[in-house]
Amino acid sequence: MPTLNSSAISRASYDPLTARLHLTFHSGRTYTFYRVPPAIYHGLLNASSAGHYYHANISGRFRP
């Protein structure tokens, strides 16, 4: 599970077979998002701010 340089998200992983994105926040909570395209995961990994990317592209768009 890759570690992110983020003040909000500590880790992210993606299962391409099920299109599930798993995010672990610094609070210790882990969430799974369903039907996430691979491009969203790669965008998160490459974002200059993972927290900003999460709010703009994941939060409220995919079912947790």
C-alpha atoms as a PDB file:
ATOM      1  CA  MET A   1       0.000   0.000   0.000  1.00  0.00           C
ATOM      2  CA  PRO A   2       1.750   3.209  -1.121  1.00  0.00           C
ATOM      3  CA  THR A   3       2.360   5.907   1.463  1.00  0.00           C
ATOM      4  CA  LEU A   4       1.280   9.382   0.413  1.00  0.00           C
ATOM      5  CA  ASN A   5       2.954  12.668   1.231  1.00  0.00           C
ATOM      6  CA  SER A   6      -0.267  14.153   2.590  1.00  0.00           C
ATOM      7  CA  SER A   7      -1.459  15.757   5.793  1.00  0.00           C
ATOM      8  CA  ALA A   8      -4.829  14.000   5.403  1.00  0.00           C
ATOM      9  CA  ILE A   9      -4.259  10.612   3.736  1.00  0.00           C
ATOM     10  CA  SER A  10      -1.548   8.244   4.898  1.00  0.00           C
ATOM     11  CA  ARG A  11      -2.016   5.318   2.484  1.00  0.00           C
ATOM     12  CA  ALA A  12      -3.819   4.344  -0.685  1.00  0.00           C
ATOM     13  CA  SER A  13      -4.258   1.076  -2.517  1.00  0.00           C
ATOM     14  CA  TYR A  14      -6.259   0.011  -5.530  1.00  0.00           C
ATOM     15  CA  ASP A  15      -7.562  -3.331  -6.731  1.00  0.00           C
ATOM     16  CA  PRO A  16      -7.980  -3.150 -10.529  1.00  0.00           C
ATOM     17  CA  LEU A  17      -9.974  -6.399 -10.642  1.00  0.00           C
ATOM     18  CA  THR A  18     -12.729  -5.034  -8.405  1.00  0.00           C
ATOM     19  CA  ALA A  19     -12.162  -1.284  -9.044  1.00  0.00           C
ATOM     20  CA  ARG A  20     -11.949  -0.678  -5.290  1.00  0.00           C
ATOM     21  CA  LEU A  21      -9.914   2.160  -3.853  1.00  0.00           C
ATOM     22  CA  HIS A  22      -8.823   1.836  -0.219  1.00  0.00           C
ATOM     23  CA  LEU A  23      -7.757   4.999   1.581  1.00  0.00           C
ATOM     24  CA  THR A  24      -6.334   5.200   5.091  1.00  0.00           C
ATOM     25  CA  PHE A  25      -6.425   8.610   6.715  1.00  0.00           C
ATOM     26  CA  HIS A  26      -4.050   9.852   9.410  1.00  0.00           C
ATOM     27  CA  SER A  27      -6.959   9.561  11.859  1.00  0.00           C
ATOM     28  CA  GLY A  28      -6.609   5.790  11.423  1.00  0.00           C
ATOM     29  CA  ARG A  29      -9.887   5.350   9.575  1.00  0.00           C
ATOM     30  CA  THR A  30      -9.862   3.338   6.365  1.00  0.00           C
ATOM     31  CA  TYR A  31     -12.503   3.714   3.679  1.00  0.00           C
ATOM     32  CA  THR A  32     -13.198   1.643   0.588  1.00  0.00           C
ATOM     33  CA  PHE A  33     -14.638   3.313  -2.508  1.00  0.00           C
ATOM     34  CA  TYR A  34     -16.296   1.233  -5.220  1.00  0.00           C
ATOM     35  CA  ARG A  35     -16.265   1.464  -9.028  1.00  0.00           C
ATOM     36  CA  VAL A  36     -13.284   3.787  -9.104  1.00  0.00           C
ATOM     37  CA  PRO A  37     -11.546   4.041 -12.490  1.00  0.00           C
ATOM     38  CA  PRO A  38      -7.782   3.338 -12.455  1.00  0.00           C
ATOM     39  CA  ALA A  39      -7.094   6.882 -13.676  1.00  0.00           C
ATOM     40  CA  ILE A  40      -8.515   8.270 -10.421  1.00  0.00           C
ATOM     41  CA  TYR A  41      -6.120   6.155  -8.351  1.00  0.00           C
ATOM     42  CA  HIS A  42      -3.131   7.152 -10.473  1.00  0.00           C
ATOM     43  CA  GLY A  43      -4.213  10.780 -10.311  1.00  0.00           C
ATOM     44  CA  LEU A  44      -4.277  10.556  -6.515  1.00  0.00           C
ATOM     45  CA  LEU A  45      -0.777   9.081  -6.403  1.00  0.00           C
ATOM     46  CA  ASN A  46       0.573  11.810  -8.699  1.00  0.00           C
ATOM     47  CA  ALA A  47      -1.307  14.765  -7.203  1.00  0.00           C
ATOM     48  CA  SER A  48       0.666  17.567  -5.604  1.00  0.00           C
ATOM     49  CA  SER A  49      -1.942  17.528  -2.817  1.00  0.00           C
ATOM     50  CA  ALA A  50      -3.629  14.183  -2.165  1.00  0.00           C
ATOM     51  CA  GLY A  51      -6.150  15.811   0.179  1.00  0.00           C
ATOM     52  CA  HIS A  52      -7.186  18.366  -2.417  1.00  0.00           C
ATOM     53  CA  TYR A  53      -7.382  15.678  -5.107  1.00  0.00           C
ATOM     54  CA  TYR A  54      -9.521  13.520  -2.799  1.00  0.00           C
ATOM     55  CA  HIS A  55     -12.011  16.346  -2.197  1.00  0.00           C
ATOM     56  CA  ALA A  56     -12.142  17.354  -5.860  1.00  0.00           C
ATOM     57  CA  ASN A  57     -12.272  13.896  -7.476  1.00  0.00           C
ATOM     58  CA  ILE A  58     -13.285  11.186  -4.994  1.00  0.00           C
ATOM     59  CA  SER A  59     -15.322  12.487  -2.072  1.00  0.00           C
ATOM     60  CA  GLY A  60     -19.033  12.448  -2.910  1.00  0.00           C
ATOM     61  CA  ARG A  61     -18.411  10.894  -6.342  1.00  0.00           C
ATOM     62  CA  PHE A  62     -17.864   7.271  -5.391  1.00  0.00           C
ATOM     63  CA  ARG A  63     -19.821   5.157  -2.956  1.00  0.00           C
ATOM     64  CA  PRO A  64     -17.869   4.416   0.228  1.00  0.00           C
END
